[in-house]
Amino acid sequence: MNSRNPIRARMLRAALLAGAGSTLLIAAAPVVAQDAPAPQAEPEEDAIVVTGIRETIRNSINTKREEAAIVDALSSDDIGDIPAISVGQAIQTITGATTHREKGDASEIALRGLGPFLSNATFNGRDATNGSGDRSVNFNQFPSELVNNIKIYKTQQASLVEGGVAGTIEIGTLRPLDFGKRRLQADIKAQYNPYGDRIVGSGGIGWRGTLSYVDQFANDTIGIAIGVQRNDTNNPEETFAASSTWTACQASPVVAGGNCDEYIRDEYGQSSPFYLVPNAYTFRQISETDKRDAIFGSIQWRPSDQFNINLDVQYSDRTYVENRRDLNLSEGRYGLTNVAYDENGIVQSLNGLSSLESNGSELARSEEYLGGGLSVEWQPSDRLTVTFDGSYSRTVRTEIERNFRLRTDPTDVNGVRTVFNNMRIPYSYSITPGSFVPTITIDPRFDLNNHNLFWDDARFRRDESKRHNEIYAGRFDVAYEMDGFLSKISAGGRWSHLTYRDYDVRNGDFNLNPAIAEDRRINNLCRTAFPQQDYLSAAKGNSINSWATFDVDCLFREYMGAEDPGNLPDTRSVANRDVTERTLAGYVMAEYDADLGNMPVRGNFGVRVVNTRVTSDGLRSPLTVVTNPDGSVRLVSSGDFDTVTIKSQNTRILPSLNAIFEVAPNTLLRAAAYRAMSRPNPSSLGAGRTITLRDESASFDSIEDAIRNITANGSPRLKPLMSWNGDLSLEWYPNKDSLLSATVYYKQFTGGFQPVVFNEDFTIDGQTVSIPVIQTRNSPDKSRIYGLELTAATRFSFLPKPLEGLGAKVSYNYADSNFKTQDIRLGEVYDPETDTVSAGIIPPANLSGYSKHVLSAQAYYEIGPVSLQAIYNYRAKYFQDFVGGNSQLRYVAPSETVDFRASLDLMKGVSLRFEALNLFNEPKATYMPVYGSSRQYHYYGAKYFIGIRARI
């Protein structure tokens, strides 16, 4: 992926693989169709119990065929048989679904090439919270061993919880009475990570163990299911990153010995040449431990044929600790010369000067999830069913980071002048066009591994953030079965109360300048050896393999007097968010089943009405400008706060129609038309403010000049993104193991998101100043998406033995969108006072998460006790926004991964299992603020799991 040719090769491989899979199925179809029995007959193989991967794919095909909406699924009749190490990785094997990977594992889910913002995810039919500030489910919190079915609704119907323009992901756990048998199962896996093995003192070894029990009692009127898991693994990572704030520098005149001149918005109309640079560059080595405890439980009671009561609870507690060692070039805009750049402002090479920093930090994140609900189903007659469901979901995520900075100086820690006699060190930057790996070369006269050179301007920070997301919800549904054209009438209502609160508090920014003798003592005491071998050896062109590192605890203890100075007693801040969202929804839906001539037709139609009320509280406080000892400045709150409350509400009407025509015994034509909505993320509805200062100097002509910008931490008045949608699907089911389907879809959006500037008054140093605040508004723009989705699956049972155990599934999605998302600093901005739009200087991005091409291909082989499966995933480039909004554009490069799974049955109920993730060490690369401008690349290696499962 280091040049444009490999990227094109990937796309070609994806297209060839998709075509090859479809061709194989089409070639096999005459044979399997010929062998298929008449629709009314059952194949002889039904006498044989189908298990494993084949059973999962067969169940998924049957679910797709039977559902009224356009649905793709992954389901198993048994627990622990979802073929993946995590729920996110399981979902990415479903047609049209792909993931964003963090630390080598699947996290955010995109449907049909559209980002998680446009998808809705539910757990057992209920909204679930997370700690990220968005509305997606944190799939890493839920062990795949305790989940037995996943559905993705590509089209909407009135009975579904609203929120999915791209689709709705439904994750389900089993009900013990429906499971219908006793089962005790234990599963233990050992993990090996080669990157972890390269870390001194580690071994790359981890483990995860799962135990589950299902049983029925009292003449099968009471059932219980319980599952527990402990996960103790490691996810080391090595990365290069530029900062998340980028500046457009004027190409001329060249500023000698200072920061480049910024190309500001008032000058954009002059069409001056510019190039894009970040504030800083960082090389980072990460060692990590990751622990998770999860408990899933369910009690089902069926006292009579009329009542079915189910209580289910899910609990997960995950903690991971990252130890980070950074080499930081903190002045990415300083002393730039010989800058070569292209027509988009992307830098190809330059020379610069920067102070260098050896920074270190320990980041500890804990995330606790608690969710569950009580469902009561009452059937007073054969035709009438009444259901009540009450649910609760809460996620609390806390992050604590302690970090230090040690800078270069004209002298070393012993007072000896360096060869440069300057705190700033020369470096060069270059990148091959089409590559994501830049080469930064530090002047070779500077020894990066010499601890004596990193000692000045010691700074210490303790940052703590907390996100609290909670949902109470209740649902009431009534269904009445009928005779005739209308087979069922359903109606219901839903109420939910969501709260989202967060804070991010910094205790410190302590800039210490003790006597040099004290610096020397601590420097010598707290030195550590670079903790990893072969750092970034996989990144072609990288020339930095190690640097001087220091112990975080030691430095805090010696400089600060305590390893952890603790949080501030008052966590209030003008940047905090406090959002409450209340939703009332009601629906009516009719299901129909009839014949159109000799052709059976079935489906549903209905309407859902949704009212959403948002209340967002933000804090405002007088601020004082304080000059730090190193000359930088900061703003300090007076401690007196006033609450500003912003309210908003909207009502949306969502009609839907799904129709299925059985044009032949094994062929279905589906049509769907519906209106859908996707709400803004809770974190995007905050009323807080983030104030960024110009920290290059302590002297300013005015307070306004001291402030670079003020950005809203959300926009409470944001409305849902609405779309009208149409889907048409043709599906052929030649037998229970085979499927060939093609779907075309169209979505028309009303409204987009656009930066807007409002002037707001702030009291700073006793003066009231009016400062522009950048926010986001719903624009009047219209945009559209159209796409094509293909799926081909079969088992090659017609092949001679022993090849009849081969099977394959290939799915491909193509989407084309003209949606526009503007960069918050360098893109278009709307001025409400003049009702005009000022032009930006960089092109907009598309929808967050939008990929034009998505491909998933699976090949499996099952015969006797052996089961093998290889999974290939490809995703084209996409724009990924920062949670909370109001950040600059960020793009993720195309990616492809290969995973492998194998199992061997040793005896009845006992199997040996092996799994390998990211076999070829595929990195993740990102660009900012235009595609091609390298921002970050991550390497985290492959992961291997080997274990044993026993069932009784």
Foldseek 3Di string as FASTA:
>chain_A
DFFVVVVVVVVVVQVVVQVVQVVVQVVCLVVLLVVDDDPVDDDPCVVPDDDAPLQQLLVQVVVCVPDLFRKGKGFDLDFQRQPDQWPQVSVCQIFQKDADDDLQDGFWIAGLQFGNLQEAEAEQQHQADFQQLFRDDGRRQDGSRQWGMKMWGQFDAQVHDFAHPRTYIYTYGDAQLVSPAWWWKKWKKKKAFVQQCQFPPGRRIWMKIKIKIWDADDVSQKIKIKMKMKTKGKRWWWKKFFDQDKFWFFPPDADAFFFGHGCAQVNVVVVGDTAIWGQKIKTKTKIKIKIKIKMKMKMWGHPDPFKIKMKIKIKMKMKMKIKMWMKMQRGGRGRWPPWDADPQRFTAKIKHKGKIKTKIKMKMKMKIKIKIKMKMWGDPDPFKIKIKIKMKIKMKMKMKMKMKIFIFACAFLVRHGAPVSGSIWMWMWHGDFRGQFIEIGTDVSDAQADLRGTQAFMFIKMKMKMKMKMKIKMKIKMKGADDDFWGIKMKIKMKMKMKIKMFMAMDTRDGDDDPSVLSVVLSVVFWDAFGGPCRPVVRPNYDDRGGTHGDQQSVCCSVVVGSDPDTDPDRADLAIKIKMKIKMKMKMKIWGWDADVPKTKIHMWIKMKMKMKMKIKGKAFEWEWDAHPVFFIDIDGPPDIDIDIDMEMDMDMKIKIKMWICPDPFKIKIKMKMKGWHFGRSQQQYAGKDWAADGPGNDDPDPQNRTPAIEGLHHNHAGIKMKIKIKIKMWGDSDSFWIKMKMKMKIKIAWDKAKEWDWDWHRYPNDTDTGIYIGIYTDRDMKMKIKMKIKIWHQQCVDDPPRSQKIKIKMKMFMDIDAFDAFRGFAWYAYPVVRDIRGGSHGTFHRASRFRMKMKMKMWGDDDFKIKMKIKIKTAKGWHARNSDSGAIKIKHIWMAMKMKMWGAPDVQKIKIKIKTRAPQIKIWMAPRDPSNGGMIMTRGMMMMIIMMGMD
